[in-house]
C-alpha cells in the first residue's frame, strides 16, 4: 500500500537556490559535512562510499546551496 500523505501540501516546501559551484570531493570541510547531515568528514566519507562505492578526493562534484522559503510570503516573489 502506498502512503500518499507525503504528497500532501502539509509536507512540501519551496527552496531558492542561492549558489551552485564545482568543488573537489576531497575539499569537504567539517562544516560542509555537518550541513550534509553528518557529524564529521569521516562519517560523510563512509556514507559517500556506501552510496557511490568509492571515495575519490579528486572527483569534481557540484555543491548546491539553498534556503527554505516561507511558503506563503516568499513563494510569490520568486
Protein backbone atom coordinates (compact mmCIF):
# COMPACT_ATOMS: atom_id res chain seq x y z
CA UNK A 1 0.00 0.00 0.00
CA UNK A 2 1.41 3.39 -0.98
CA UNK A 3 1.35 6.08 1.66
CA UNK A 4 0.26 9.16 -0.21
CA UNK A 5 0.34 11.51 2.75
CA UNK A 6 3.89 12.56 1.86
CA UNK A 7 2.48 14.23 -1.24
CA UNK A 8 0.05 16.40 0.68
CA UNK A 9 0.61 20.15 0.93
CA UNK A 10 1.46 19.69 4.59
CA UNK A 11 4.77 18.02 3.64
CA UNK A 12 6.16 20.20 0.89
CA UNK A 13 8.44 23.20 0.98
CA UNK A 14 9.84 25.64 -1.51
CA UNK A 15 13.53 26.36 -1.81
CA UNK A 16 15.53 29.07 -3.51
CA UNK A 17 18.90 28.03 -4.92
CA UNK A 18 21.46 30.57 -3.70
CA UNK A 19 24.67 29.12 -5.14
CA UNK A 20 25.92 26.36 -7.46
CA UNK A 21 29.62 25.62 -7.78
CA UNK A 22 32.09 22.85 -8.57
CA UNK A 23 34.45 21.56 -5.89
CA UNK A 24 36.69 18.56 -5.41
CA UNK A 25 35.20 15.90 -3.16
CA UNK A 26 38.35 15.87 -1.04
CA UNK A 27 37.96 19.58 -0.22
CA UNK A 28 34.92 18.99 2.00
CA UNK A 29 35.25 20.64 5.42
CA UNK A 30 33.86 19.61 8.79
CA UNK A 31 31.27 22.39 8.43
CA UNK A 32 30.27 21.11 4.98
CA UNK A 33 29.91 17.57 6.33
CA UNK A 34 27.64 18.82 9.11
CA UNK A 35 25.48 20.65 6.56
CA UNK A 36 25.12 17.31 4.78
CA UNK A 37 23.77 15.74 7.98
CA UNK A 38 26.94 14.01 9.16
CA UNK A 39 28.89 14.58 12.35
CA UNK A 40 32.31 14.67 10.64
CA UNK A 41 34.14 14.35 7.33
CA UNK A 42 34.93 10.73 8.25
CA UNK A 43 31.23 9.95 8.64
CA UNK A 44 30.42 11.77 5.39
CA UNK A 45 33.08 9.73 3.59
CA UNK A 46 31.62 6.49 4.97
CA UNK A 47 28.13 7.44 3.78
CA UNK A 48 29.52 8.51 0.39
CA UNK A 49 31.28 5.16 -0.04
CA UNK A 50 28.10 3.27 0.91
CA UNK A 51 26.13 5.15 -1.75
CA UNK A 52 28.72 5.62 -4.51
CA UNK A 53 31.14 2.74 -3.92
CA UNK A 54 34.39 4.67 -3.67
CA UNK A 55 35.90 7.91 -2.43
CA UNK A 56 37.98 9.81 -4.98
CA UNK A 57 39.21 13.08 -3.45
CA UNK A 58 39.93 14.43 -6.95
CA UNK A 59 36.37 13.83 -8.18
CA UNK A 60 34.59 17.05 -9.11
CA UNK A 61 31.16 17.44 -7.58
CA UNK A 62 28.51 20.12 -7.70
CA UNK A 63 27.65 21.91 -4.48
CA UNK A 64 24.15 23.34 -4.48
CA UNK A 65 23.25 25.74 -1.68
CA UNK A 66 19.69 26.77 -1.00
CA UNK A 67 17.41 28.31 1.56
CA UNK A 68 13.93 27.28 2.59
CA UNK A 69 11.30 29.84 1.64
CA UNK A 70 8.28 30.82 3.66
CA UNK A 71 5.53 29.17 1.64
CA UNK A 72 3.00 31.95 1.97
CA UNK A 73 5.07 35.10 1.52
CA UNK A 74 8.23 34.37 -0.41
CA UNK A 75 6.88 31.90 -2.97
CA UNK A 76 5.01 34.73 -4.65
CA UNK A 77 8.22 36.76 -5.04
CA UNK A 78 10.32 34.15 -6.86
